């Protein structure tokens, strides 16, 4: 099987598909990924610690989103900033986003 172009592989990862063949059935449950692609047999975890990259990607996107929401909220409400509301919004974001983004970060990392 030929390797896909980089853009095609990233697009497949962004749509939670196998980067090599485009297969969709990569997750057993929300956060539990199959060991190999059911169609092409591509092994996803190539070495111990392979998923550290996806964890780092998840943390980076979470932090960037936090910065955008925090400083965006601060800029929009400057002078009369609702600190408690901003704190609750950013805390909720920091709790929920990594959980929701987890499967996508894994397929993007592959």
Foldseek 3Di string as FASTA:
>chain_A
DDADDPVQLLVLLQVLAASGPSHRQQAPDLQHGDQADPPPRHGQQPDPPLCVQLVVVLVVVLVVVLVCLLVVQCVVQPPNRPVVVNVVVSVVSSVPSSSNCNSSSSSNSD
